[in-house]
Structures are given as C-alpha cells and as structure tokens.
Protein backbone atom coordinates (compact mmCIF):
# COMPACT_ATOMS: atom_id res chain seq x y z
CA LYS A 1 7.95 10.95 -11.09
CA MET A 2 10.01 9.15 -13.79
CA VAL A 3 10.95 11.42 -16.85
CA ILE A 4 10.09 9.48 -19.84
CA PRO A 5 11.80 10.71 -23.09
CA GLY A 6 9.33 11.94 -25.64
CA TYR A 7 6.44 11.52 -22.87
CA LYS A 8 5.63 13.40 -19.71
CA PRO A 9 6.94 12.57 -16.65
CA LYS A 10 4.79 9.40 -14.77
CA SER A 11 4.29 8.92 -11.21
CA TYR A 12 5.01 5.24 -10.06
CA SER A 13 5.06 3.69 -6.51
CA VAL A 14 7.91 3.15 -4.84
CA SER A 15 9.32 1.17 -1.67
CA ALA A 16 10.79 2.64 1.44
CA LEU A 17 14.42 3.10 1.48
CA ARG A 18 17.06 0.42 2.10
CA VAL A 19 20.73 0.41 2.72
CA ASN A 20 22.48 -1.27 -0.53
CA ASN A 21 24.68 -4.37 1.16
CA ASP A 22 25.85 -5.37 -2.18
CA ASN A 23 27.76 -2.65 -2.77
CA ASP A 24 31.18 -2.63 -0.57
CA ASN A 25 32.51 0.48 -2.01
CA HIS A 26 29.54 2.55 -1.04
CA PRO A 27 28.65 1.08 2.30
CA ASN A 28 26.07 3.89 2.95
CA GLU A 29 24.15 4.06 -0.22
CA TYR A 30 20.70 3.85 -0.42
CA GLU A 31 18.36 1.88 -2.92
CA PHE A 32 14.51 1.59 -3.44
CA ASP A 33 12.30 -0.37 -5.81
CA VAL A 34 10.00 1.18 -8.49
CA THR A 35 7.24 -0.97 -9.34
CA VAL A 36 5.78 -0.76 -13.01
CA LYS A 37 3.05 -2.36 -14.46
CA ILE A 38 3.80 -3.15 -18.03
CA TYR A 39 0.70 -2.35 -20.48
CA PRO A 40 0.33 -3.82 -24.11
CA ASN A 41 1.99 -0.90 -26.41
CA GLY A 42 2.08 1.01 -23.11
CA ARG A 43 4.47 4.17 -24.10
CA ALA A 44 6.08 4.89 -20.64
CA SER A 45 5.78 1.49 -19.25
CA GLY A 46 7.07 -0.25 -22.43
CA TYR A 47 10.07 2.38 -22.59
CA LEU A 48 10.90 1.09 -18.74
CA ASP A 49 10.46 -2.50 -19.93
CA ARG A 50 12.85 -2.28 -22.48
CA MET A 51 15.63 -0.88 -20.06
CA LYS A 52 18.58 -2.83 -19.68
CA VAL A 53 20.81 -3.34 -16.28
CA GLY A 54 23.09 -0.38 -16.43
CA ASP A 55 20.67 1.77 -17.97
CA THR A 56 19.94 5.17 -16.02
CA ILE A 57 17.12 7.27 -16.37
CA ARG A 58 15.80 10.78 -14.73
CA ALA A 59 13.71 10.71 -11.59
CA PHE A 60 12.27 13.28 -9.18
CA GLY A 61 10.19 13.25 -5.90
CA MET A 62 7.89 15.73 -4.68
CA ALA A 63 7.89 18.10 -1.80
CA ASN A 64 6.41 15.95 1.11
CA ARG A 65 4.92 18.63 3.80
CA LYS A 66 3.00 16.01 5.57
CA THR A 67 3.65 14.80 8.88
CA ARG A 68 2.68 11.62 10.62
CA SER A 69 -0.37 11.39 13.12
CA CYS A 70 0.21 8.67 15.69
CA GLY A 71 -2.57 6.07 16.71
CA THR A 72 -2.82 2.70 17.79
CA PHE A 73 -4.90 1.46 14.80
CA PHE A 74 -3.68 1.65 11.46
CA GLY A 75 -5.83 1.02 8.14
CA GLY A 76 -4.03 0.74 5.05
CA VAL A 77 -5.84 0.90 1.42
CA ALA A 78 -3.87 -0.28 -1.60
CA PHE A 79 -4.98 -0.28 -4.99
CA GLY A 80 -3.31 -2.43 -6.94
CA VAL A 81 0.70 -1.50 -7.02
CA GLY A 82 0.25 1.01 -4.49
CA ILE A 83 0.89 -2.10 -1.82
CA THR A 84 4.24 -1.25 -2.61
CA GLU A 85 4.14 1.97 -0.43
CA ILE A 86 1.19 0.57 1.93
CA LEU A 87 3.02 -2.51 2.88
CA PRO A 88 6.29 -0.59 4.40
CA MET A 89 4.07 1.79 6.41
CA ALA A 90 2.48 -1.26 7.87
CA ARG A 91 6.02 -2.58 8.84
CA TYR A 92 6.70 1.03 10.30
CA GLU A 93 3.88 1.07 12.11
CA LEU A 94 4.56 -2.62 13.68
CA GLU A 95 7.98 -1.80 14.51
CA ASN A 96 7.80 1.61 15.81
CA GLY A 97 4.46 2.15 16.98
CA ALA A 98 2.75 1.20 20.19
CA THR A 99 3.37 -2.28 21.25
CA ASN A 100 -0.47 -2.71 21.12
CA THR A 101 -0.63 -1.02 17.72
CA LYS A 102 -2.91 -3.01 15.05
CA VAL A 103 -2.35 -3.04 11.61
CA VAL A 104 -5.04 -3.67 8.92
CA VAL A 105 -4.07 -3.92 5.34
CA LEU A 106 -6.89 -3.77 2.46
CA TRP A 107 -5.31 -4.69 -1.08
CA ALA A 108 -7.30 -4.45 -3.79
CA SER A 109 -6.58 -6.58 -6.80
CA ARG A 110 -7.98 -7.86 -10.11
CA THR A 111 -6.93 -11.50 -9.02
CA LYS A 112 -4.82 -13.67 -7.13
CA ALA A 113 -2.30 -13.46 -9.83
CA ASP A 114 -1.97 -9.92 -9.38
CA THR A 115 -0.36 -10.09 -6.28
CA PHE A 116 2.93 -10.22 -5.09
CA TRP A 117 5.39 -9.61 -2.06
CA HIS A 118 4.03 -12.75 -0.83
CA GLU A 119 7.21 -13.86 1.42
CA ASP A 120 7.27 -10.01 3.11
CA ILE A 121 3.39 -10.67 4.06
CA HIS A 122 3.78 -13.64 5.41
CA GLU A 123 6.87 -12.71 7.19
CA LEU A 124 4.54 -9.93 9.19
CA LYS A 125 2.07 -12.53 9.94
CA THR A 126 4.44 -14.65 11.37
CA VAL A 127 6.18 -12.20 13.47
CA TYR A 128 3.02 -10.18 14.26
CA ARG A 129 0.58 -12.77 14.36
CA ASP A 130 -2.61 -11.15 16.11
CA ARG A 131 -1.29 -7.44 15.23
CA PHE A 132 -1.17 -7.58 11.39
CA GLU A 133 -3.89 -8.55 9.40
CA MET A 134 -3.91 -8.71 5.53
CA VAL A 135 -7.26 -8.76 3.58
CA HIS A 136 -7.44 -8.99 0.13
CA LEU A 137 -10.11 -7.72 -2.42
CA TYR A 138 -10.37 -9.58 -5.80
CA SER A 139 -12.60 -7.82 -8.52
CA ARG A 140 -12.05 -10.28 -11.18
CA GLU A 141 -11.34 -13.36 -9.40
CA THR A 142 -12.74 -16.61 -10.98
CA GLU A 143 -10.85 -19.66 -9.11
CA ARG A 144 -12.99 -20.71 -6.53
CA LYS A 145 -9.95 -21.93 -4.23
CA ASN A 146 -8.66 -18.54 -4.35
CA LEU A 147 -11.95 -16.72 -2.97
CA GLU A 148 -12.11 -19.45 -0.58
CA GLU A 149 -8.79 -18.66 1.24
CA LYS A 150 -8.98 -16.77 4.49
CA GLY A 151 -8.91 -13.22 4.64
CA VAL A 152 -10.34 -12.83 0.80
CA LEU A 153 -13.02 -10.81 -0.09
CA GLN A 154 -14.78 -10.15 -3.72
CA GLY A 155 -15.96 -6.97 -5.35
CA ARG A 156 -14.67 -3.46 -5.34
CA ILE A 157 -14.15 -1.08 -2.28
CA ASP A 158 -17.02 1.08 -1.31
CA ALA A 159 -18.08 2.92 2.02
CA THR A 160 -19.79 -0.67 3.21
CA LEU A 161 -16.86 -2.71 2.27
CA LEU A 162 -14.71 -0.24 4.29
CA LYS A 163 -16.78 0.06 7.61
CA GLU A 164 -17.03 -3.98 7.64
CA VAL A 165 -13.23 -4.18 7.22
CA PHE A 166 -12.15 -1.64 9.58
CA GLU A 167 -14.90 -0.66 11.94
CA THR A 168 -15.41 -4.49 12.79
CA ARG A 169 -11.55 -5.00 13.38
CA LEU A 170 -11.56 -1.79 15.38
CA ALA A 171 -14.24 -3.08 17.64
CA ASN A 172 -12.44 -6.49 17.92
CA ALA A 173 -9.38 -4.72 19.19
CA GLY A 174 -11.20 -2.97 21.77
CA MET A 175 -10.18 0.07 20.31
CA GLU A 176 -11.88 3.62 19.85
CA ARG A 177 -12.25 5.40 17.02
CA ASP A 178 -10.05 8.06 18.05
CA ASP A 179 -7.38 5.39 17.66
CA ALA A 180 -7.85 4.88 14.12
CA LYS A 181 -5.53 6.41 11.59
CA PHE A 182 -6.02 5.59 7.81
CA LEU A 183 -3.90 5.94 4.52
CA VAL A 184 -5.08 5.21 0.91
CA ILE A 185 -2.25 4.44 -1.83
CA GLY A 186 -3.58 4.43 -5.94
CA THR A 187 -4.17 6.70 -8.50
CA ARG A 188 -5.38 10.73 -7.40
CA SER A 189 -8.95 9.77 -8.30
CA MET A 190 -9.07 6.46 -6.53
CA MET A 191 -7.58 8.14 -3.33
CA ASN A 192 -10.06 11.12 -3.42
CA MET A 193 -13.04 8.57 -3.84
CA THR A 194 -11.72 6.23 -0.87
CA ASN A 195 -11.11 9.28 1.48
CA GLN A 196 -14.82 10.62 0.65
CA MET A 197 -16.03 7.21 1.71
CA PHE A 198 -14.28 7.34 4.97
CA THR A 199 -15.86 10.60 5.66
CA ARG A 200 -18.97 9.15 4.83
CA ILE A 201 -18.64 6.09 7.77
CA GLY A 202 -17.35 8.74 10.14
CA PHE A 203 -13.52 8.91 9.62
CA PRO A 204 -13.03 12.28 8.17
CA MET A 205 -9.01 12.16 6.63
CA HIS A 206 -8.46 15.67 8.30
CA LYS A 207 -8.71 13.63 11.66
CA HIS A 208 -7.95 10.16 10.77
CA GLY A 209 -5.50 10.56 8.26
CA LEU A 210 -2.21 9.01 9.03
CA LEU A 211 -0.21 11.64 7.34
CA ILE A 212 -1.98 14.87 7.52
C-alpha cells in the first residue's frame, strides 16, 4: 500500500523484484515497479502523478502466508494493471516449473490502447512458443482491426468465457484437471467474483489456486 498524505493508504499492483544494475554504489540493491492509473481529479493517483524524480513516499506490504501449489498448467487472469503481477508469475512458472508447463494468461482490458508491456509479452511468446499464450479480452474496443487480431476476444469475464479459455487449452495440452492451477489479480471484488466462477466450472480455488 502507498501512504498518500491526507488520504487513506491505497493498494497498487507491483512488479517482481529485480536487481538494480544501474546503481554501482549498491550492486545488491533491488527495485520494483508500481503501476498507477491516473484518474482525472483523482486524489491518490493525482498526488502520485505530480511526484518528481527524487521524491519519496512511504509504502508498506501486507503479510503473505500463502504457499505455491505446483501444477503443470497455470492459468492467470489479470484485470487491467493486474497484469504487472500476473506476467511475472507466468514467467516464473515457465522458468522454474516443469519442462512441459503450459501457461495461459487472460488479460481483461477496456481497449488495446490500455495494454502495455508488449515487448515482455512478445519475448515470452518467442522464447516459450507453444508453452505460453496470451489471450486479450476487450470490453470497449471499437477498432475492428484490433478485434480481429489473433488471441483477441470481446466482452467481459464470466464462467462461460473462463471455461472456453482455460478448459479448452487444458484439454488441448493433454493435461488433467488436477494439473490446473489459477491466479486472479484485480480488485478484491473482481477476484472474489472470478474465483467463484472458477468454482462453478469445476475448479474450486482451495484446490486449484496457485497460491493457497
């Protein structure tokens, strides 16, 4: 959470830790990215948007008592900037999981213009080819050419769509349902809603959650 002066602490998506190779004075120093969506007249996002290089702000993390549950099929669901947490998890599973691990990420955005990290996604597609797949879901995209791109769906997340995206690919990979592990990143209400949808299609999160 970021501590915004005169406002309650706000939660933002953060990337995975990485070594800061640009700081010769502190070679073992780590850094991470915080992704912020700027809203017109937003109190919290507006304050962060006005910060300059060199400014500081207080932040704190929440205790994490969850452990990783192994599986050979990982399905990640990212709502908006939640991709900043899902994509590093996808990379981790590809790099550290079994050699046949299949990773499918469903990224729900308003339009293509709201997406980013294109180079990172292209890298994973290039390196892992048949093992990594990105599925874009746009809710407000109006450009036909963007909707006709490979791996693009239109609409909003529901149980039917989750079944179409993940069950189909699980079967095509020749894997069993017990092999499937899922992680959803978004607002608390979005995560709870999606986790309930997974339960309805036969993937209860107490058994199929990547982190339990």
